[in-house]
């Protein structure tokens, strides 16, 4: 099984979004984090099932929340480089490295 490494900027993406959702409704941020966790588990089980969007970078869309998880697969590791709202410019993460 692949080891998942969540890069610090991607982790910050998730925490910022969870904070915003909790401001909308208490507990909604926790639901967002659970949705992310479920999708990350799906990525870990079968990382090639999600769409290749740019030079080795794949994107998995979360359920219920409009976010994409951008990641790179290497030999035995998956590097999550960004967690992005789908309305945001989808190419800003190109500057991020693993």
PDB file of N, CA and C in Angstrom:
ATOM      1  N   UNK A   1       0.847  -1.184   0.000  1.00  0.00           N
ATOM      2  CA  UNK A   1       0.000   0.000   0.000  1.00  0.00           C
ATOM      3  C   UNK A   1       0.890   1.245   0.000  1.00  0.00           C
ATOM      4  N   UNK A   2       0.411   2.261  -0.634  1.00  0.00           N
ATOM      5  CA  UNK A   2       1.139   3.519  -0.715  1.00  0.00           C
ATOM      6  C   UNK A   2       1.092   4.274   0.610  1.00  0.00           C
ATOM      7  N   UNK A   3       2.163   4.950   0.922  1.00  0.00           N
ATOM      8  CA  UNK A   3       2.185   5.856   2.068  1.00  0.00           C
ATOM      9  C   UNK A   3       1.751   7.231   1.560  1.00  0.00           C
ATOM     10  N   UNK A   4       0.854   7.885   2.288  1.00  0.00           N
ATOM     11  CA  UNK A   4       0.375   9.210   1.908  1.00  0.00           C
ATOM     12  C   UNK A   4       1.136  10.263   2.706  1.00  0.00           C
ATOM     13  N   UNK A   5       1.685  11.239   1.982  1.00  0.00           N
ATOM     14  CA  UNK A   5       2.383  12.367   2.597  1.00  0.00           C
ATOM     15  C   UNK A   5       1.613  13.631   2.222  1.00  0.00           C
ATOM     16  N   UNK A   6       1.065  14.298   3.225  1.00  0.00           N
ATOM     17  CA  UNK A   6       0.339  15.546   2.977  1.00  0.00           C
ATOM     18  C   UNK A   6       1.312  16.691   3.210  1.00  0.00           C
ATOM     19  N   UNK A   7       1.593  17.417   2.138  1.00  0.00           N
ATOM     20  CA  UNK A   7       2.537  18.524   2.216  1.00  0.00           C
ATOM     21  C   UNK A   7       1.959  19.644   3.089  1.00  0.00           C
ATOM     22  N   UNK A   8       2.815  20.409   3.767  1.00  0.00           N
ATOM     23  CA  UNK A   8       2.337  21.455   4.685  1.00  0.00           C
ATOM     24  C   UNK A   8       1.371  22.452   4.052  1.00  0.00           C
ATOM     25  N   UNK A   9       1.604  22.870   2.818  1.00  0.00           N
ATOM     26  CA  UNK A   9       0.684  23.822   2.186  1.00  0.00           C
ATOM     27  C   UNK A   9      -0.686  23.195   1.932  1.00  0.00           C
ATOM     28  N   UNK A  10      -0.709  21.918   1.591  1.00  0.00           N
ATOM     29  CA  UNK A  10      -1.980  21.216   1.391  1.00  0.00           C
ATOM     30  C   UNK A  10      -2.722  21.071   2.718  1.00  0.00           C
ATOM     31  N   UNK A  11      -1.980  20.782   3.763  1.00  0.00           N
ATOM     32  CA  UNK A  11      -2.599  20.689   5.089  1.00  0.00           C
ATOM     33  C   UNK A  11      -3.193  22.039   5.488  1.00  0.00           C
ATOM     34  N   UNK A  12      -2.472  23.105   5.186  1.00  0.00           N
ATOM     35  CA  UNK A  12      -2.983  24.448   5.490  1.00  0.00           C
ATOM     36  C   UNK A  12      -4.228  24.755   4.658  1.00  0.00           C
ATOM     37  N   UNK A  13      -4.240  24.314   3.396  1.00  0.00           N
ATOM     38  CA  UNK A  13      -5.439  24.471   2.559  1.00  0.00           C
ATOM     39  C   UNK A  13      -6.651  23.859   3.257  1.00  0.00           C
ATOM     40  N   UNK A  14      -6.469  22.632   3.749  1.00  0.00           N
ATOM     41  CA  UNK A  14      -7.568  21.904   4.392  1.00  0.00           C
ATOM     42  C   UNK A  14      -8.016  22.595   5.673  1.00  0.00           C
ATOM     43  N   UNK A  15      -7.061  23.021   6.484  1.00  0.00           N
ATOM     44  CA  UNK A  15      -7.411  23.671   7.749  1.00  0.00           C
ATOM     45  C   UNK A  15      -8.115  25.000   7.522  1.00  0.00           C
ATOM     46  N   UNK A  16      -7.680  25.762   6.526  1.00  0.00           N
ATOM     47  CA  UNK A  16      -8.339  27.034   6.207  1.00  0.00           C
ATOM     48  C   UNK A  16      -9.780  26.806   5.762  1.00  0.00           C
ATOM     49  N   UNK A  17      -9.981  25.801   4.928  1.00  0.00           N
ATOM     50  CA  UNK A  17     -11.330  25.493   4.458  1.00  0.00           C
ATOM     51  C   UNK A  17     -12.203  25.009   5.613  1.00  0.00           C
ATOM     52  N   UNK A  18     -11.661  24.151   6.469  1.00  0.00           N
ATOM     53  CA  UNK A  18     -12.429  23.655   7.617  1.00  0.00           C
ATOM     54  C   UNK A  18     -12.820  24.796   8.538  1.00  0.00           C
ATOM     55  N   UNK A  19     -11.912  25.723   8.754  1.00  0.00           N
ATOM     56  CA  UNK A  19     -12.207  26.882   9.590  1.00  0.00           C
ATOM     57  C   UNK A  19     -13.350  27.695   8.990  1.00  0.00           C
ATOM     58  N   UNK A  20     -13.289  27.927   7.687  1.00  0.00           N
ATOM     59  CA  UNK A  20     -14.348  28.689   7.017  1.00  0.00           C
ATOM     60  C   UNK A  20     -15.684  27.968   7.151  1.00  0.00           C
ATOM     61  N   UNK A  21     -15.701  26.646   6.908  1.00  0.00           N
ATOM     62  CA  UNK A  21     -16.943  25.884   7.030  1.00  0.00           C
ATOM     63  C   UNK A  21     -17.485  25.918   8.457  1.00  0.00           C
ATOM     64  N   UNK A  22     -16.613  25.885   9.458  1.00  0.00           N
ATOM     65  CA  UNK A  22     -17.082  25.970  10.843  1.00  0.00           C
ATOM     66  C   UNK A  22     -17.673  27.334  11.165  1.00  0.00           C
ATOM     67  N   UNK A  23     -17.216  28.379  10.470  1.00  0.00           N
ATOM     68  CA  UNK A  23     -17.814  29.700  10.647  1.00  0.00           C
ATOM     69  C   UNK A  23     -19.208  29.766  10.018  1.00  0.00           C
ATOM     70  N   UNK A  24     -19.408  28.989   8.963  1.00  0.00           N
ATOM     71  CA  UNK A  24     -20.719  28.919   8.321  1.00  0.00           C
ATOM     72  C   UNK A  24     -21.696  28.179   9.232  1.00  0.00           C
ATOM     73  N   UNK A  25     -21.247  27.042   9.752  1.00  0.00           N
ATOM     74  CA  UNK A  25     -22.066  26.248  10.675  1.00  0.00           C
ATOM     75  C   UNK A  25     -21.153  25.393  11.539  1.00  0.00           C
ATOM     76  N   UNK A  26     -21.343  25.467  12.828  1.00  0.00           N
ATOM     77  CA  UNK A  26     -20.523  24.687  13.753  1.00  0.00           C
ATOM     78  C   UNK A  26     -20.628  23.205  13.395  1.00  0.00           C
ATOM     79  N   UNK A  27     -19.485  22.570  13.270  1.00  0.00           N
ATOM     80  CA  UNK A  27     -19.423  21.148  12.941  1.00  0.00           C
ATOM     81  C   UNK A  27     -19.272  20.860  11.462  1.00  0.00           C
ATOM     82  N   UNK A  28     -19.573  21.851  10.617  1.00  0.00           N
ATOM     83  CA  UNK A  28     -19.468  21.629   9.180  1.00  0.00           C
ATOM     84  C   UNK A  28     -18.006  21.440   8.764  1.00  0.00           C
ATOM     85  N   UNK A  29     -17.102  22.123   9.425  1.00  0.00           N
ATOM     86  CA  UNK A  29     -15.682  21.947   9.142  1.00  0.00           C
ATOM     87  C   UNK A  29     -15.219  20.532   9.437  1.00  0.00           C
ATOM     88  N   UNK A  30     -15.747  19.961  10.520  1.00  0.00           N
ATOM     89  CA  UNK A  30     -15.404  18.570  10.845  1.00  0.00           C
ATOM     90  C   UNK A  30     -15.946  17.620   9.779  1.00  0.00           C
ATOM     91  N   UNK A  31     -17.132  17.909   9.265  1.00  0.00           N
ATOM     92  CA  UNK A  31     -17.697  17.089   8.193  1.00  0.00           C
ATOM     93  C   UNK A  31     -16.841  17.200   6.929  1.00  0.00           C
ATOM     94  N   UNK A  32     -16.343  18.400   6.661  1.00  0.00           N
ATOM     95  CA  UNK A  32     -15.449  18.604   5.527  1.00  0.00           C
ATOM     96  C   UNK A  32     -14.185  17.765   5.684  1.00  0.00           C
ATOM     97  N   UNK A  33     -13.584  17.791   6.868  1.00  0.00           N
ATOM     98  CA  UNK A  33     -12.368  17.014   7.113  1.00  0.00           C
ATOM     99  C   UNK A  33     -12.622  15.517   6.980  1.00  0.00           C
ATOM    100  N   UNK A  34     -13.793  15.060   7.402  1.00  0.00           N
ATOM    101  CA  UNK A  34     -14.145  13.640   7.237  1.00  0.00           C
ATOM    102  C   UNK A  34     -14.271  13.276   5.752  1.00  0.00           C
ATOM    103  N   UNK A  35     -14.856  14.190   4.963  1.00  0.00           N
ATOM    104  CA  UNK A  35     -14.976  13.955   3.515  1.00  0.00           C
ATOM    105  C   UNK A  35     -13.595  13.891   2.871  1.00  0.00           C
ATOM    106  N   UNK A  36     -12.700  14.781   3.307  1.00  0.00           N
ATOM    107  CA  UNK A  36     -11.319  14.743   2.797  1.00  0.00           C
ATOM    108  C   UNK A  36     -10.648  13.425   3.161  1.00  0.00           C
ATOM    109  N   UNK A  37     -10.800  13.012   4.401  1.00  0.00           N
ATOM    110  CA  UNK A  37     -10.183  11.775   4.866  1.00  0.00           C
ATOM    111  C   UNK A  37     -10.683  10.581   4.048  1.00  0.00           C
ATOM    112  N   UNK A  38     -11.976  10.544   3.774  1.00  0.00           N
ATOM    113  CA  UNK A  38     -12.546   9.455   2.982  1.00  0.00           C
ATOM    114  C   UNK A  38     -11.942   9.432   1.577  1.00  0.00           C
ATOM    115  N   UNK A  39     -11.806  10.606   0.975  1.00  0.00           N
ATOM    116  CA  UNK A  39     -11.259  10.652  -0.382  1.00  0.00           C
ATOM    117  C   UNK A  39      -9.766  10.316  -0.379  1.00  0.00           C
ATOM    118  N   UNK A  40      -9.046  10.759   0.634  1.00  0.00           N
ATOM    119  CA  UNK A  40      -7.622  10.413   0.724  1.00  0.00           C
ATOM    120  C   UNK A  40      -7.455   8.904   0.886  1.00  0.00           C
ATOM    121  N   UNK A  41      -8.336   8.268   1.639  1.00  0.00           N
ATOM    122  CA  UNK A  41      -8.296   6.805   1.762  1.00  0.00           C
ATOM    123  C   UNK A  41      -8.546   6.135   0.417  1.00  0.00           C
ATOM    124  N   UNK A  42      -9.472   6.695  -0.373  1.00  0.00           N
ATOM    125  CA  UNK A  42      -9.748   6.151  -1.708  1.00  0.00           C
ATOM    126  C   UNK A  42      -8.522   6.322  -2.613  1.00  0.00           C
ATOM    127  N   UNK A  43      -7.868   7.472  -2.509  1.00  0.00           N
ATOM    128  CA  UNK A  43      -6.643   7.702  -3.277  1.00  0.00           C
ATOM    129  C   UNK A  43      -5.584   6.679  -2.892  1.00  0.00           C
ATOM    130  N   UNK A  44      -5.435   6.447  -1.600  1.00  0.00           N
ATOM    131  CA  UNK A  44      -4.418   5.509  -1.118  1.00  0.00           C
ATOM    132  C   UNK A  44      -4.679   4.088  -1.616  1.00  0.00           C
ATOM    133  N   UNK A  45      -5.945   3.691  -1.653  1.00  0.00           N
ATOM    134  CA  UNK A  45      -6.293   2.339  -2.103  1.00  0.00           C
ATOM    135  C   UNK A  45      -6.040   2.139  -3.596  1.00  0.00           C
ATOM    136  N   UNK A  46      -6.337   3.168  -4.400  1.00  0.00           N
ATOM    137  CA  UNK A  46      -6.203   3.033  -5.849  1.00  0.00           C
ATOM    138  C   UNK A  46      -5.879   4.403  -6.454  1.00  0.00           C
ATOM    139  N   UNK A  47      -4.642   4.849  -6.348  1.00  0.00           N
ATOM    140  CA  UNK A  47      -4.290   6.205  -6.766  1.00  0.00           C
ATOM    141  C   UNK A  47      -4.414   6.470  -8.262  1.00  0.00           C
ATOM    142  N   UNK A  48      -4.359   5.443  -9.076  1.00  0.00           N
ATOM    143  CA  UNK A  48      -4.432   5.647 -10.526  1.00  0.00           C
ATOM    144  C   UNK A  48      -5.856   5.810 -11.051  1.00  0.00           C
ATOM    145  N   UNK A  49      -6.841   5.659 -10.193  1.00  0.00           N
ATOM    146  CA  UNK A  49      -8.224   5.749 -10.656  1.00  0.00           C
ATOM    147  C   UNK A  49      -8.670   7.184 -10.930  1.00  0.00           C
ATOM    148  N   UNK A  50      -7.927   8.161 -10.429  1.00  0.00           N
ATOM    149  CA  UNK A  50      -8.345   9.544 -10.578  1.00  0.00           C
ATOM    150  C   UNK A  50      -7.630  10.215 -11.744  1.00  0.00           C
ATOM    151  N   UNK A  51      -8.265  11.231 -12.255  1.00  0.00           N
ATOM    152  CA  UNK A  51      -7.840  11.887 -13.493  1.00  0.00           C
ATOM    153  C   UNK A  51      -6.462  12.537 -13.400  1.00  0.00           C
ATOM    154  N   UNK A  52      -5.661  12.289 -14.431  1.00  0.00           N
ATOM    155  CA  UNK A  52      -4.377  12.955 -14.598  1.00  0.00           C
ATOM    156  C   UNK A  52      -4.681  14.327 -15.195  1.00  0.00           C
ATOM    157  N   UNK A  53      -4.252  15.407 -14.495  1.00  0.00           N
ATOM    158  CA  UNK A  53      -4.615  16.750 -14.943  1.00  0.00           C
ATOM    159  C   UNK A  53      -3.437  17.567 -15.451  1.00  0.00           C
ATOM    160  N   UNK A  54      -2.213  17.181 -15.061  1.00  0.00           N
ATOM    161  CA  UNK A  54      -1.055  17.953 -15.507  1.00  0.00           C
ATOM    162  C   UNK A  54       0.226  17.238 -15.132  1.00  0.00           C
ATOM    163  N   UNK A  55       1.025  16.895 -16.096  1.00  0.00           N
ATOM    164  CA  UNK A  55       2.376  16.353 -15.909  1.00  0.00           C
ATOM    165  C   UNK A  55       2.576  15.540 -14.628  1.00  0.00           C
ATOM    166  N   UNK A  56       1.883  14.455 -14.504  1.00  0.00           N
ATOM    167  CA  UNK A  56       2.045  13.578 -13.352  1.00  0.00           C
ATOM    168  C   UNK A  56       1.191  13.939 -12.148  1.00  0.00           C
ATOM    169  N   UNK A  57       0.430  15.008 -12.240  1.00  0.00           N
ATOM    170  CA  UNK A  57      -0.434  15.423 -11.130  1.00  0.00           C
ATOM    171  C   UNK A  57      -1.848  14.921 -11.404  1.00  0.00           C
ATOM    172  N   UNK A  58      -2.409  14.285 -10.409  1.00  0.00           N
ATOM    173  CA  UNK A  58      -3.787  13.783 -10.494  1.00  0.00           C
ATOM    174  C   UNK A  58      -4.687  14.586  -9.560  1.00  0.00           C
ATOM    175  N   UNK A  59      -6.004  14.508  -9.851  1.00  0.00           N
ATOM    176  CA  UNK A  59      -6.969  15.219  -9.021  1.00  0.00           C
ATOM    177  C   UNK A  59      -8.129  14.298  -8.682  1.00  0.00           C
ATOM    178  N   UNK A  60      -8.455  14.257  -7.391  1.00  0.00           N
ATOM    179  CA  UNK A  60      -9.627  13.534  -6.919  1.00  0.00           C
ATOM    180  C   UNK A  60     -10.596  14.565  -6.348  1.00  0.00           C
ATOM    181  N   UNK A  61     -11.852  14.491  -6.762  1.00  0.00           N
ATOM    182  CA  UNK A  61     -12.860  15.421  -6.259  1.00  0.00           C
ATOM    183  C   UNK A  61     -13.552  14.824  -5.038  1.00  0.00           C
ATOM    184  N   UNK A  62     -13.768  15.656  -4.030  1.00  0.00           N
ATOM    185  CA  UNK A  62     -14.417  15.187  -2.810  1.00  0.00           C
ATOM    186  C   UNK A  62     -15.919  15.058  -3.019  1.00  0.00           C
ATOM    187  N   UNK A  63     -16.522  14.249  -2.185  1.00  0.00           N
ATOM    188  CA  UNK A  63     -17.980  14.130  -2.175  1.00  0.00           C
ATOM    189  C   UNK A  63     -18.542  15.286  -1.342  1.00  0.00           C
ATOM    190  N   UNK A  64     -19.661  15.786  -1.722  1.00  0.00           N
ATOM    191  CA  UNK A  64     -20.421  16.798  -0.988  1.00  0.00           C
ATOM    192  C   UNK A  64     -19.811  18.192  -0.991  1.00  0.00           C
ATOM    193  N   UNK A  65     -18.514  18.307  -0.881  1.00  0.00           N
ATOM    194  CA  UNK A  65     -17.842  19.611  -0.844  1.00  0.00           C
ATOM    195  C   UNK A  65     -17.109  19.830  -2.164  1.00  0.00           C
ATOM    196  N   UNK A  66     -17.141  21.055  -2.693  1.00  0.00           N
ATOM    197  CA  UNK A  66     -16.536  21.314  -4.010  1.00  0.00           C
ATOM    198  C   UNK A  66     -15.024  21.531  -3.946  1.00  0.00           C
ATOM    199  N   UNK A  67     -14.298  20.470  -3.620  1.00  0.00           N
ATOM    200  CA  UNK A  67     -12.838  20.558  -3.492  1.00  0.00           C
ATOM    201  C   UNK A  67     -12.169  19.446  -4.280  1.00  0.00           C
ATOM    202  N   UNK A  68     -10.987  19.773  -4.795  1.00  0.00           N
ATOM    203  CA  UNK A  68     -10.153  18.797  -5.466  1.00  0.00           C
ATOM    204  C   UNK A  68      -8.895  18.570  -4.653  1.00  0.00           C
ATOM    205  N   UNK A  69      -8.467  17.331  -4.615  1.00  0.00           N
ATOM    206  CA  UNK A  69      -7.213  16.967  -3.951  1.00  0.00           C
ATOM    207  C   UNK A  69      -6.208  16.668  -5.066  1.00  0.00           C
ATOM    208  N   UNK A  70      -5.142  17.452  -5.124  1.00  0.00           N
ATOM    209  CA  UNK A  70      -4.121  17.296  -6.160  1.00  0.00           C
ATOM    210  C   UNK A  70      -2.946  16.524  -5.571  1.00  0.00           C
ATOM    211  N   UNK A  71      -2.494  15.503  -6.292  1.00  0.00           N
ATOM    212  CA  UNK A  71      -1.441  14.647  -5.747  1.00  0.00           C
ATOM    213  C   UNK A  71      -0.550  14.075  -6.839  1.00  0.00           C
ATOM    214  N   UNK A  72       0.625  13.642  -6.402  1.00  0.00           N
ATOM    215  CA  UNK A  72       1.624  13.026  -7.268  1.00  0.00           C
ATOM    216  C   UNK A  72       1.930  11.637  -6.716  1.00  0.00           C
ATOM    217  N   UNK A  73       2.032  10.670  -7.603  1.00  0.00           N
ATOM    218  CA  UNK A  73       2.373   9.305  -7.204  1.00  0.00           C
ATOM    219  C   UNK A  73       3.853   9.064  -7.508  1.00  0.00           C
ATOM    220  N   UNK A  74       4.559   8.570  -6.512  1.00  0.00           N
ATOM    221  CA  UNK A  74       5.937   8.125  -6.708  1.00  0.00           C
ATOM    222  C   UNK A  74       6.037   6.718  -6.150  1.00  0.00           C
ATOM    223  N   UNK A  75       6.999   5.999  -6.553  1.00  0.00           N
ATOM    224  CA  UNK A  75       7.187   4.574  -6.293  1.00  0.00           C
ATOM    225  C   UNK A  75       6.261   3.995  -5.216  1.00  0.00           C
ATOM    226  N   UNK A  76       6.419   4.380  -3.972  1.00  0.00           N
ATOM    227  CA  UNK A  76       5.588   3.836  -2.904  1.00  0.00           C
ATOM    228  C   UNK A  76       4.940   4.932  -2.066  1.00  0.00           C
ATOM    229  N   UNK A  77       4.934   6.159  -2.587  1.00  0.00           N
ATOM    230  CA  UNK A  77       4.372   7.292  -1.849  1.00  0.00           C
ATOM    231  C   UNK A  77       3.431   8.097  -2.722  1.00  0.00           C
ATOM    232  N   UNK A  78       2.473   8.709  -2.062  1.00  0.00           N
ATOM    233  CA  UNK A  78       1.560   9.653  -2.686  1.00  0.00           C
ATOM    234  C   UNK A  78       1.768  10.980  -1.973  1.00  0.00           C
ATOM    235  N   UNK A  79       2.106  12.008  -2.729  1.00  0.00           N
ATOM    236  CA  UNK A  79       2.312  13.341  -2.161  1.00  0.00           C
ATOM    237  C   UNK A  79       1.098  14.203  -2.494  1.00  0.00           C
ATOM    238  N   UNK A  80       0.364  14.606  -1.461  1.00  0.00           N
ATOM    239  CA  UNK A  80      -0.755  15.523  -1.665  1.00  0.00           C
ATOM    240  C   UNK A  80      -0.176  16.928  -1.614  1.00  0.00           C
ATOM    241  N   UNK A  81      -0.301  17.650  -2.745  1.00  0.00           N
ATOM    242  CA  UNK A  81       0.338  18.955  -2.847  1.00  0.00           C
ATOM    243  C   UNK A  81      -0.628  20.119  -2.700  1.00  0.00           C
ATOM    244  N   UNK A  82      -1.938  19.870  -2.878  1.00  0.00           N
ATOM    245  CA  UNK A  82      -2.905  20.960  -2.745  1.00  0.00           C
ATOM    246  C   UNK A  82      -4.301  20.397  -2.521  1.00  0.00           C
ATOM    247  N   UNK A  83      -5.100  21.150  -1.780  1.00  0.00           N
ATOM    248  CA  UNK A  83      -6.512  20.847  -1.579  1.00  0.00           C
ATOM    249  C   UNK A  83      -7.235  22.151  -1.902  1.00  0.00           C
ATOM    250  N   UNK A  84      -7.952  22.159  -3.028  1.00  0.00           N
ATOM    251  CA  UNK A  84      -8.400  23.408  -3.621  1.00  0.00           C
ATOM    252  C   UNK A  84      -9.892  23.407  -3.919  1.00  0.00           C
ATOM    253  N   UNK A  85     -10.552  24.526  -3.605  1.00  0.00           N
ATOM    254  CA  UNK A  85     -11.949  24.722  -3.995  1.00  0.00           C
ATOM    255  C   UNK A  85     -12.023  24.707  -5.514  1.00  0.00           C
ATOM    256  N   UNK A  86     -13.038  24.093  -6.070  1.00  0.00           N
ATOM    257  CA  UNK A  86     -13.128  23.931  -7.521  1.00  0.00           C
ATOM    258  C   UNK A  86     -13.369  25.250  -8.264  1.00  0.00           C
ATOM    259  N   UNK A  87     -13.772  26.288  -7.576  1.00  0.00           N
ATOM    260  CA  UNK A  87     -13.943  27.586  -8.228  1.00  0.00           C
ATOM    261  C   UNK A  87     -12.654  28.408  -8.266  1.00  0.00           C
ATOM    262  N   UNK A  88     -11.668  27.960  -7.555  1.00  0.00           N
ATOM    263  CA  UNK A  88     -10.389  28.668  -7.543  1.00  0.00           C
ATOM    264  C   UNK A  88      -9.617  28.346  -8.815  1.00  0.00           C
ATOM    265  N   UNK A  89      -8.734  29.251  -9.213  1.00  0.00           N
ATOM    266  CA  UNK A  89      -7.904  29.000 -10.384  1.00  0.00           C
ATOM    267  C   UNK A  89      -7.208  27.655 -10.189  1.00  0.00           C
ATOM    268  N   UNK A  90      -7.496  26.683 -11.039  1.00  0.00           N
ATOM    269  CA  UNK A  90      -6.977  25.342 -10.815  1.00  0.00           C
ATOM    270  C   UNK A  90      -5.476  25.183 -11.061  1.00  0.00           C
ATOM    271  N   UNK A  91      -4.828  26.205 -11.563  1.00  0.00           N
ATOM    272  CA  UNK A  91      -3.418  26.056 -11.905  1.00  0.00           C
ATOM    273  C   UNK A  91      -2.471  26.688 -10.898  1.00  0.00           C
ATOM    274  N   UNK A  92      -2.991  27.318  -9.839  1.00  0.00           N
ATOM    275  CA  UNK A  92      -2.110  27.974  -8.875  1.00  0.00           C
ATOM    276  C   UNK A  92      -1.176  26.973  -8.202  1.00  0.00           C
ATOM    277  N   UNK A  93      -1.585  25.736  -8.082  1.00  0.00           N
ATOM    278  CA  UNK A  93      -0.783  24.717  -7.401  1.00  0.00           C
ATOM    279  C   UNK A  93       0.428  24.295  -8.215  1.00  0.00           C
ATOM    280  N   UNK A  94       0.523  24.705  -9.481  1.00  0.00           N
ATOM    281  CA  UNK A  94       1.667  24.307 -10.313  1.00  0.00           C
ATOM    282  C   UNK A  94       2.998  24.734  -9.703  1.00  0.00           C
ATOM    283  N   UNK A  95       2.984  25.794  -8.911  1.00  0.00           N
ATOM    284  CA  UNK A  95       4.215  26.282  -8.280  1.00  0.00           C
ATOM    285  C   UNK A  95       4.638  25.404  -7.112  1.00  0.00           C
ATOM    286  N   UNK A  96       3.757  24.578  -6.645  1.00  0.00           N
ATOM    287  CA  UNK A  96       4.062  23.723  -5.491  1.00  0.00           C
ATOM    288  C   UNK A  96       4.852  22.502  -5.930  1.00  0.00           C
ATOM    289  N   UNK A  97       5.784  22.131  -5.123  1.00  0.00           N
ATOM    290  CA  UNK A  97       6.617  20.962  -5.403  1.00  0.00           C
ATOM    291  C   UNK A  97       6.342  19.909  -4.342  1.00  0.00           C
ATOM    292  N   UNK A  98       6.735  18.703  -4.654  1.00  0.00           N
ATOM    293  CA  UNK A  98       6.521  17.624  -3.669  1.00  0.00           C
ATOM    294  C   UNK A  98       7.479  17.700  -2.524  1.00  0.00           C
TER     295      UNK A  98
END
